[in-house]
Amino acid sequence: MSMKLYVGNLSFQTSSEDLQQLFAQAGTVESASVVEDRETGRSRGFGFVEMSSNEEGQKAIAAATVAAVAATAAVAAATANRAGKFLRELGR
């Protein structure tokens, strides 16, 4: 079963390909996407990475917690509730 990760506090220059390459170090990445503004196409500073298994997802969280991801990123297992709460706390 795959595990979807929320990746926050990204540099605005971070691309989906950058996330793919970075998280591939922890295992098989099924998808990686940086969320972009609809009007400008500019990164909104967060994205999602889907790892092929729960174990690889946990490994990626541990690795990203230790190392900075394109600055000081926050990485956590994505859930609709957690992502929404996180965005509300950021005022987005």
PDB file of N, CA and C in Angstrom:
ATOM      1  N   MET A   1       0.843  -1.184   0.000  1.00  0.00           N
ATOM      2  CA  MET A   1       0.000   0.000   0.000  1.00  0.00           C
ATOM      3  C   MET A   1       0.883   1.239   0.000  1.00  0.00           C
ATOM      4  N   SER A   2       0.545   2.210  -0.840  1.00  0.00           N
ATOM      5  CA  SER A   2       1.351   3.421  -0.948  1.00  0.00           C
ATOM      6  C   SER A   2       1.061   4.371   0.213  1.00  0.00           C
ATOM      7  N   MET A   3       1.954   5.330   0.392  1.00  0.00           N
ATOM      8  CA  MET A   3       1.810   6.328   1.453  1.00  0.00           C
ATOM      9  C   MET A   3       2.037   7.701   0.847  1.00  0.00           C
ATOM     10  N   LYS A   4       1.071   8.599   1.029  1.00  0.00           N
ATOM     11  CA  LYS A   4       1.179   9.956   0.507  1.00  0.00           C
ATOM     12  C   LYS A   4       1.728  10.866   1.586  1.00  0.00           C
ATOM     13  N   LEU A   5       2.736  11.666   1.226  1.00  0.00           N
ATOM     14  CA  LEU A   5       3.387  12.575   2.162  1.00  0.00           C
ATOM     15  C   LEU A   5       3.109  14.019   1.774  1.00  0.00           C
ATOM     16  N   TYR A   6       2.852  14.840   2.760  1.00  0.00           N
ATOM     17  CA  TYR A   6       2.746  16.285   2.570  1.00  0.00           C
ATOM     18  C   TYR A   6       4.131  16.860   2.811  1.00  0.00           C
ATOM     19  N   VAL A   7       4.603  17.725   1.919  1.00  0.00           N
ATOM     20  CA  VAL A   7       5.914  18.355   2.068  1.00  0.00           C
ATOM     21  C   VAL A   7       5.698  19.860   2.058  1.00  0.00           C
ATOM     22  N   GLY A   8       5.991  20.516   3.168  1.00  0.00           N
ATOM     23  CA  GLY A   8       5.746  21.953   3.288  1.00  0.00           C
ATOM     24  C   GLY A   8       7.009  22.757   3.457  1.00  0.00           C
ATOM     25  N   ASN A   9       6.857  24.071   3.431  1.00  0.00           N
ATOM     26  CA  ASN A   9       7.950  25.026   3.598  1.00  0.00           C
ATOM     27  C   ASN A   9       9.014  24.873   2.529  1.00  0.00           C
ATOM     28  N   LEU A  10       8.584  24.555   1.310  1.00  0.00           N
ATOM     29  CA  LEU A  10       9.530  24.408   0.210  1.00  0.00           C
ATOM     30  C   LEU A  10       9.930  25.764  -0.345  1.00  0.00           C
ATOM     31  N   SER A  11      11.126  25.818  -0.872  1.00  0.00           N
ATOM     32  CA  SER A  11      11.561  26.990  -1.617  1.00  0.00           C
ATOM     33  C   SER A  11      10.643  27.133  -2.822  1.00  0.00           C
ATOM     34  N   PHE A  12      10.360  28.349  -3.232  1.00  0.00           N
ATOM     35  CA  PHE A  12       9.499  28.565  -4.389  1.00  0.00           C
ATOM     36  C   PHE A  12      10.155  28.089  -5.682  1.00  0.00           C
ATOM     37  N   GLN A  13      11.450  27.827  -5.651  1.00  0.00           N
ATOM     38  CA  GLN A  13      12.157  27.324  -6.825  1.00  0.00           C
ATOM     39  C   GLN A  13      12.121  25.800  -6.914  1.00  0.00           C
ATOM     40  N   THR A  14      11.625  25.114  -5.897  1.00  0.00           N
ATOM     41  CA  THR A  14      11.572  23.651  -5.903  1.00  0.00           C
ATOM     42  C   THR A  14      10.530  23.177  -6.909  1.00  0.00           C
ATOM     43  N   SER A  15      10.933  22.236  -7.765  1.00  0.00           N
ATOM     44  CA  SER A  15      10.024  21.704  -8.780  1.00  0.00           C
ATOM     45  C   SER A  15       9.557  20.301  -8.384  1.00  0.00           C
ATOM     46  N   SER A  16       8.568  19.805  -9.103  1.00  0.00           N
ATOM     47  CA  SER A  16       8.094  18.439  -8.887  1.00  0.00           C
ATOM     48  C   SER A  16       9.223  17.442  -9.154  1.00  0.00           C
ATOM     49  N   GLU A  17      10.047  17.719 -10.146  1.00  0.00           N
ATOM     50  CA  GLU A  17      11.181  16.847 -10.458  1.00  0.00           C
ATOM     51  C   GLU A  17      12.189  16.832  -9.312  1.00  0.00           C
ATOM     52  N   ASP A  18      12.403  17.998  -8.683  1.00  0.00           N
ATOM     53  CA  ASP A  18      13.304  18.063  -7.526  1.00  0.00           C
ATOM     54  C   ASP A  18      12.803  17.160  -6.398  1.00  0.00           C
ATOM     55  N   LEU A  19      11.497  17.214  -6.117  1.00  0.00           N
ATOM     56  CA  LEU A  19      10.915  16.363  -5.077  1.00  0.00           C
ATOM     57  C   LEU A  19      11.082  14.895  -5.439  1.00  0.00           C
ATOM     58  N   GLN A  20      10.808  14.572  -6.696  1.00  0.00           N
ATOM     59  CA  GLN A  20      10.940  13.191  -7.171  1.00  0.00           C
ATOM     60  C   GLN A  20      12.357  12.669  -6.910  1.00  0.00           C
ATOM     61  N   GLN A  21      13.356  13.442  -7.306  1.00  0.00           N
ATOM     62  CA  GLN A  21      14.749  13.030  -7.150  1.00  0.00           C
ATOM     63  C   GLN A  21      15.146  12.923  -5.678  1.00  0.00           C
ATOM     64  N   LEU A  22      14.708  13.876  -4.887  1.00  0.00           N
ATOM     65  CA  LEU A  22      15.069  13.876  -3.478  1.00  0.00           C
ATOM     66  C   LEU A  22      14.484  12.675  -2.743  1.00  0.00           C
ATOM     67  N   PHE A  23      13.198  12.422  -2.936  1.00  0.00           N
ATOM     68  CA  PHE A  23      12.544  11.338  -2.213  1.00  0.00           C
ATOM     69  C   PHE A  23      12.871   9.966  -2.783  1.00  0.00           C
ATOM     70  N   ALA A  24      13.374   9.906  -4.003  1.00  0.00           N
ATOM     71  CA  ALA A  24      13.797   8.629  -4.588  1.00  0.00           C
ATOM     72  C   ALA A  24      14.954   8.030  -3.795  1.00  0.00           C
ATOM     73  N   GLN A  25      15.665   8.847  -3.049  1.00  0.00           N
ATOM     74  CA  GLN A  25      16.756   8.357  -2.206  1.00  0.00           C
ATOM     75  C   GLN A  25      16.241   7.463  -1.079  1.00  0.00           C
ATOM     76  N   ALA A  26      14.961   7.624  -0.730  1.00  0.00           N
ATOM     77  CA  ALA A  26      14.366   6.832   0.347  1.00  0.00           C
ATOM     78  C   ALA A  26      13.599   5.630  -0.169  1.00  0.00           C
ATOM     79  N   GLY A  27      13.380   5.547  -1.488  1.00  0.00           N
ATOM     80  CA  GLY A  27      12.629   4.422  -2.046  1.00  0.00           C
ATOM     81  C   GLY A  27      11.940   4.802  -3.338  1.00  0.00           C
ATOM     82  N   THR A  28      10.978   3.996  -3.731  1.00  0.00           N
ATOM     83  CA  THR A  28      10.274   4.187  -4.990  1.00  0.00           C
ATOM     84  C   THR A  28       9.204   5.266  -4.852  1.00  0.00           C
ATOM     85  N   VAL A  29       9.332   6.297  -5.669  1.00  0.00           N
ATOM     86  CA  VAL A  29       8.363   7.397  -5.678  1.00  0.00           C
ATOM     87  C   VAL A  29       7.354   7.128  -6.782  1.00  0.00           C
ATOM     88  N   GLU A  30       6.085   7.019  -6.414  1.00  0.00           N
ATOM     89  CA  GLU A  30       5.039   6.800  -7.408  1.00  0.00           C
ATOM     90  C   GLU A  30       4.614   8.102  -8.061  1.00  0.00           C
ATOM     91  N   SER A  31       4.605   9.198  -7.290  1.00  0.00           N
ATOM     92  CA  SER A  31       4.289  10.511  -7.850  1.00  0.00           C
ATOM     93  C   SER A  31       4.849  11.587  -6.930  1.00  0.00           C
ATOM     94  N   ALA A  32       5.128  12.737  -7.522  1.00  0.00           N
ATOM     95  CA  ALA A  32       5.597  13.895  -6.765  1.00  0.00           C
ATOM     96  C   ALA A  32       5.079  15.138  -7.463  1.00  0.00           C
ATOM     97  N   SER A  33       4.485  16.042  -6.698  1.00  0.00           N
ATOM     98  CA  SER A  33       3.974  17.262  -7.315  1.00  0.00           C
ATOM     99  C   SER A  33       4.070  18.431  -6.352  1.00  0.00           C
ATOM    100  N   VAL A  34       4.526  19.551  -6.889  1.00  0.00           N
ATOM    101  CA  VAL A  34       4.542  20.810  -6.158  1.00  0.00           C
ATOM    102  C   VAL A  34       3.257  21.535  -6.548  1.00  0.00           C
ATOM    103  N   VAL A  35       2.515  22.015  -5.567  1.00  0.00           N
ATOM    104  CA  VAL A  35       1.260  22.715  -5.832  1.00  0.00           C
ATOM    105  C   VAL A  35       1.581  24.117  -6.335  1.00  0.00           C
ATOM    106  N   GLU A  36       0.941  24.481  -7.446  1.00  0.00           N
ATOM    107  CA  GLU A  36       1.194  25.777  -8.070  1.00  0.00           C
ATOM    108  C   GLU A  36      -0.054  26.644  -8.038  1.00  0.00           C
ATOM    109  N   ASP A  37       0.156  27.950  -8.012  1.00  0.00           N
ATOM    110  CA  ASP A  37      -0.935  28.909  -8.080  1.00  0.00           C
ATOM    111  C   ASP A  37      -1.603  28.805  -9.452  1.00  0.00           C
ATOM    112  N   ARG A  38      -2.922  28.777  -9.483  1.00  0.00           N
ATOM    113  CA  ARG A  38      -3.657  28.626 -10.748  1.00  0.00           C
ATOM    114  C   ARG A  38      -3.426  29.783 -11.710  1.00  0.00           C
ATOM    115  N   GLU A  39      -3.331  30.981 -11.176  1.00  0.00           N
ATOM    116  CA  GLU A  39      -3.221  32.154 -12.038  1.00  0.00           C
ATOM    117  C   GLU A  39      -1.795  32.430 -12.491  1.00  0.00           C
ATOM    118  N   THR A  40      -0.832  32.292 -11.589  1.00  0.00           N
ATOM    119  CA  THR A  40       0.549  32.663 -11.922  1.00  0.00           C
ATOM    120  C   THR A  40       1.416  31.478 -12.307  1.00  0.00           C
ATOM    121  N   GLY A  41       1.026  30.267 -11.902  1.00  0.00           N
ATOM    122  CA  GLY A  41       1.860  29.090 -12.160  1.00  0.00           C
ATOM    123  C   GLY A  41       3.036  28.988 -11.206  1.00  0.00           C
ATOM    124  N   ARG A  42       3.132  29.904 -10.260  1.00  0.00           N
ATOM    125  CA  ARG A  42       4.228  29.921  -9.284  1.00  0.00           C
ATOM    126  C   ARG A  42       3.951  28.908  -8.178  1.00  0.00           C
ATOM    127  N   SER A  43       5.011  28.290  -7.677  1.00  0.00           N
ATOM    128  CA  SER A  43       4.890  27.338  -6.579  1.00  0.00           C
ATOM    129  C   SER A  43       4.234  28.011  -5.380  1.00  0.00           C
ATOM    130  N   ARG A  44       3.413  27.232  -4.671  1.00  0.00           N
ATOM    131  CA  ARG A  44       2.797  27.744  -3.439  1.00  0.00           C
ATOM    132  C   ARG A  44       3.608  27.343  -2.215  1.00  0.00           C
ATOM    133  N   GLY A  45       4.740  26.664  -2.412  1.00  0.00           N
ATOM    134  CA  GLY A  45       5.636  26.345  -1.305  1.00  0.00           C
ATOM    135  C   GLY A  45       5.342  25.026  -0.613  1.00  0.00           C
ATOM    136  N   PHE A  46       4.483  24.206  -1.206  1.00  0.00           N
ATOM    137  CA  PHE A  46       4.238  22.882  -0.638  1.00  0.00           C
ATOM    138  C   PHE A  46       3.874  21.921  -1.753  1.00  0.00           C
ATOM    139  N   GLY A  47       3.913  20.633  -1.427  1.00  0.00           N
ATOM    140  CA  GLY A  47       3.582  19.625  -2.419  1.00  0.00           C
ATOM    141  C   GLY A  47       3.291  18.291  -1.770  1.00  0.00           C
ATOM    142  N   PHE A  48       3.148  17.275  -2.609  1.00  0.00           N
ATOM    143  CA  PHE A  48       2.841  15.930  -2.144  1.00  0.00           C
ATOM    144  C   PHE A  48       3.735  14.928  -2.862  1.00  0.00           C
ATOM    145  N   VAL A  49       4.165  13.926  -2.119  1.00  0.00           N
ATOM    146  CA  VAL A  49       4.965  12.831  -2.677  1.00  0.00           C
ATOM    147  C   VAL A  49       4.285  11.540  -2.276  1.00  0.00           C
ATOM    148  N   GLU A  50       4.094  10.645  -3.228  1.00  0.00           N
ATOM    149  CA  GLU A  50       3.502   9.339  -2.930  1.00  0.00           C
ATOM    150  C   GLU A  50       4.588   8.277  -3.037  1.00  0.00           C
ATOM    151  N   MET A  51       4.880   7.637  -1.911  1.00  0.00           N
ATOM    152  CA  MET A  51       5.868   6.568  -1.858  1.00  0.00           C
ATOM    153  C   MET A  51       5.146   5.238  -2.074  1.00  0.00           C
ATOM    154  N   SER A  52       5.872   4.242  -2.611  1.00  0.00           N
ATOM    155  CA  SER A  52       5.225   2.988  -2.993  1.00  0.00           C
ATOM    156  C   SER A  52       4.787   2.135  -1.807  1.00  0.00           C
ATOM    157  N   SER A  53       5.362   2.360  -0.636  1.00  0.00           N
ATOM    158  CA  SER A  53       4.952   1.573   0.532  1.00  0.00           C
ATOM    159  C   SER A  53       4.985   2.429   1.789  1.00  0.00           C
ATOM    160  N   ASN A  54       4.308   1.970   2.809  1.00  0.00           N
ATOM    161  CA  ASN A  54       4.297   2.648   4.096  1.00  0.00           C
ATOM    162  C   ASN A  54       5.710   2.706   4.684  1.00  0.00           C
ATOM    163  N   GLU A  55       6.472   1.630   4.533  1.00  0.00           N
ATOM    164  CA  GLU A  55       7.828   1.580   5.072  1.00  0.00           C
ATOM    165  C   GLU A  55       8.720   2.633   4.416  1.00  0.00           C
ATOM    166  N   GLU A  56       8.612   2.750   3.075  1.00  0.00           N
ATOM    167  CA  GLU A  56       9.407   3.751   2.377  1.00  0.00           C
ATOM    168  C   GLU A  56       8.951   5.157   2.748  1.00  0.00           C
ATOM    169  N   GLY A  57       7.656   5.329   2.978  1.00  0.00           N
ATOM    170  CA  GLY A  57       7.142   6.620   3.418  1.00  0.00           C
ATOM    171  C   GLY A  57       7.700   7.019   4.769  1.00  0.00           C
ATOM    172  N   GLN A  58       7.721   6.079   5.694  1.00  0.00           N
ATOM    173  CA  GLN A  58       8.286   6.354   7.022  1.00  0.00           C
ATOM    174  C   GLN A  58       9.783   6.651   6.930  1.00  0.00           C
ATOM    175  N   LYS A  59      10.475   5.929   6.057  1.00  0.00           N
ATOM    176  CA  LYS A  59      11.912   6.164   5.844  1.00  0.00           C
ATOM    177  C   LYS A  59      12.132   7.572   5.288  1.00  0.00           C
ATOM    178  N   ALA A  60      11.291   7.983   4.347  1.00  0.00           N
ATOM    179  CA  ALA A  60      11.404   9.319   3.759  1.00  0.00           C
ATOM    180  C   ALA A  60      11.132  10.404   4.793  1.00  0.00           C
ATOM    181  N   ILE A  61      10.133  10.193   5.652  1.00  0.00           N
ATOM    182  CA  ILE A  61       9.839  11.163   6.710  1.00  0.00           C
ATOM    183  C   ILE A  61      11.037  11.304   7.631  1.00  0.00           C
ATOM    184  N   ALA A  62      11.608  10.180   8.039  1.00  0.00           N
ATOM    185  CA  ALA A  62      12.765  10.217   8.939  1.00  0.00           C
ATOM    186  C   ALA A  62      13.948  10.924   8.282  1.00  0.00           C
ATOM    187  N   ALA A  63      14.205  10.619   7.011  1.00  0.00           N
ATOM    188  CA  ALA A  63      15.334  11.232   6.304  1.00  0.00           C
ATOM    189  C   ALA A  63      15.113  12.725   6.118  1.00  0.00           C
ATOM    190  N   ALA A  64      13.892  13.126   5.768  1.00  0.00           N
ATOM    191  CA  ALA A  64      13.606  14.538   5.531  1.00  0.00           C
ATOM    192  C   ALA A  64      13.588  15.329   6.831  1.00  0.00           C
ATOM    193  N   THR A  65      13.250  14.676   7.929  1.00  0.00           N
ATOM    194  CA  THR A  65      13.246  15.344   9.220  1.00  0.00           C
ATOM    195  C   THR A  65      14.674  15.678   9.636  1.00  0.00           C
ATOM    196  N   VAL A  66      15.603  14.796   9.331  1.00  0.00           N
ATOM    197  CA  VAL A  66      17.002  15.003   9.691  1.00  0.00           C
ATOM    198  C   VAL A  66      17.654  16.017   8.756  1.00  0.00           C
ATOM    199  N   ALA A  67      17.397  15.903   7.465  1.00  0.00           N
ATOM    200  CA  ALA A  67      18.017  16.795   6.476  1.00  0.00           C
ATOM    201  C   ALA A  67      17.026  17.872   6.044  1.00  0.00           C
ATOM    202  N   ALA A  68      17.532  19.037   5.759  1.00  0.00           N
ATOM    203  CA  ALA A  68      16.664  20.113   5.257  1.00  0.00           C
ATOM    204  C   ALA A  68      16.295  19.822   3.818  1.00  0.00           C
ATOM    205  N   VAL A  69      15.026  20.015   3.476  1.00  0.00           N
ATOM    206  CA  VAL A  69      14.542  19.786   2.122  1.00  0.00           C
ATOM    207  C   VAL A  69      14.324  21.160   1.491  1.00  0.00           C
ATOM    208  N   ALA A  70      15.245  21.557   0.655  1.00  0.00           N
ATOM    209  CA  ALA A  70      15.155  22.845  -0.044  1.00  0.00           C
ATOM    210  C   ALA A  70      14.860  23.992   0.921  1.00  0.00           C
ATOM    211  N   ALA A  71      15.492  24.011   2.035  1.00  0.00           N
ATOM    212  CA  ALA A  71      15.401  24.987   3.117  1.00  0.00           C
ATOM    213  C   ALA A  71      15.015  24.242   4.381  1.00  0.00           C
ATOM    214  N   THR A  72      13.945  24.626   5.029  1.00  0.00           N
ATOM    215  CA  THR A  72      13.489  23.943   6.237  1.00  0.00           C
ATOM    216  C   THR A  72      12.086  23.427   5.995  1.00  0.00           C
ATOM    217  N   ALA A  73      11.983  22.257   5.431  1.00  0.00           N
ATOM    218  CA  ALA A  73      10.682  21.700   5.059  1.00  0.00           C
ATOM    219  C   ALA A  73      10.087  20.887   6.187  1.00  0.00           C
ATOM    220  N   ALA A  74       8.786  20.864   6.211  1.00  0.00           N
ATOM    221  CA  ALA A  74       8.048  20.015   7.137  1.00  0.00           C
ATOM    222  C   ALA A  74       7.466  18.867   6.322  1.00  0.00           C
ATOM    223  N   VAL A  75       7.701  17.647   6.770  1.00  0.00           N
ATOM    224  CA  VAL A  75       7.210  16.478   6.048  1.00  0.00           C
ATOM    225  C   VAL A  75       6.394  15.640   7.004  1.00  0.00           C
ATOM    226  N   ALA A  76       5.213  15.242   6.571  1.00  0.00           N
ATOM    227  CA  ALA A  76       4.343  14.425   7.401  1.00  0.00           C
ATOM    228  C   ALA A  76       3.446  13.589   6.507  1.00  0.00           C
ATOM    229  N   ALA A  77       2.922  12.525   7.069  1.00  0.00           N
ATOM    230  CA  ALA A  77       1.956  11.726   6.329  1.00  0.00           C
ATOM    231  C   ALA A  77       0.752  12.608   6.020  1.00  0.00           C
ATOM    232  N   ALA A  78       0.316  12.562   4.788  1.00  0.00           N
ATOM    233  CA  ALA A  78      -0.781  13.434   4.354  1.00  0.00           C
ATOM    234  C   ALA A  78      -2.132  12.810   4.674  1.00  0.00           C
ATOM    235  N   THR A  79      -2.967  13.578   5.289  1.00  0.00           N
ATOM    236  CA  THR A  79      -4.367  13.217   5.464  1.00  0.00           C
ATOM    237  C   THR A  79      -5.155  14.472   5.159  1.00  0.00           C
ATOM    238  N   ALA A  80      -6.356  14.320   4.739  1.00  0.00           N
ATOM    239  CA  ALA A  80      -7.163  15.485   4.408  1.00  0.00           C
ATOM    240  C   ALA A  80      -7.278  16.412   5.608  1.00  0.00           C
ATOM    241  N   ASN A  81      -7.452  15.864   6.788  1.00  0.00           N
ATOM    242  CA  ASN A  81      -7.599  16.660   7.990  1.00  0.00           C
ATOM    243  C   ASN A  81      -6.305  17.383   8.335  1.00  0.00           C
ATOM    244  N   ARG A  82      -5.187  16.672   8.292  1.00  0.00           N
ATOM    245  CA  ARG A  82      -3.907  17.273   8.666  1.00  0.00           C
ATOM    246  C   ARG A  82      -3.513  18.368   7.690  1.00  0.00           C
ATOM    247  N   ALA A  83      -3.648  18.123   6.388  1.00  0.00           N
ATOM    248  CA  ALA A  83      -3.272  19.127   5.393  1.00  0.00           C
ATOM    249  C   ALA A  83      -4.142  20.367   5.547  1.00  0.00           C
ATOM    250  N   GLY A  84      -5.439  20.181   5.733  1.00  0.00           N
ATOM    251  CA  GLY A  84      -6.332  21.313   5.912  1.00  0.00           C
ATOM    252  C   GLY A  84      -6.006  22.104   7.167  1.00  0.00           C
ATOM    253  N   LYS A  85      -5.746  21.408   8.245  1.00  0.00           N
ATOM    254  CA  LYS A  85      -5.402  22.070   9.502  1.00  0.00           C
ATOM    255  C   LYS A  85      -4.109  22.844   9.350  1.00  0.00           C
ATOM    256  N   PHE A  86      -3.123  22.229   8.694  1.00  0.00           N
ATOM    257  CA  PHE A  86      -1.827  22.875   8.492  1.00  0.00           C
ATOM    258  C   PHE A  86      -1.993  24.151   7.690  1.00  0.00           C
ATOM    259  N   LEU A  87      -2.772  24.099   6.632  1.00  0.00           N
ATOM    260  CA  LEU A  87      -2.972  25.277   5.793  1.00  0.00           C
ATOM    261  C   LEU A  87      -3.729  26.372   6.523  1.00  0.00           C
ATOM    262  N   ARG A  88      -4.706  25.980   7.349  1.00  0.00           N
ATOM    263  CA  ARG A  88      -5.431  26.981   8.151  1.00  0.00           C
ATOM    264  C   ARG A  88      -4.491  27.670   9.129  1.00  0.00           C
ATOM    265  N   GLU A  89      -3.566  26.899   9.730  1.00  0.00           N
ATOM    266  CA  GLU A  89      -2.626  27.489  10.670  1.00  0.00           C
ATOM    267  C   GLU A  89      -1.689  28.457   9.978  1.00  0.00           C
ATOM    268  N   LEU A  90      -1.392  28.199   8.699  1.00  0.00           N
ATOM    269  CA  LEU A  90      -0.538  29.098   7.936  1.00  0.00           C
ATOM    270  C   LEU A  90      -1.302  30.303   7.407  1.00  0.00           C
ATOM    271  N   GLY A  91      -2.623  30.260   7.543  1.00  0.00           N
ATOM    272  CA  GLY A  91      -3.440  31.354   7.063  1.00  0.00           C
ATOM    273  C   GLY A  91      -3.666  31.315   5.565  1.00  0.00           C
ATOM    274  N   ARG A  92      -3.562  30.112   4.956  1.00  0.00           N
ATOM    275  CA  ARG A  92      -3.763  29.989   3.499  1.00  0.00           C
ATOM    276  C   ARG A  92      -5.121  29.451   3.203  1.00  0.00           C
TER     277      ARG A  92
END
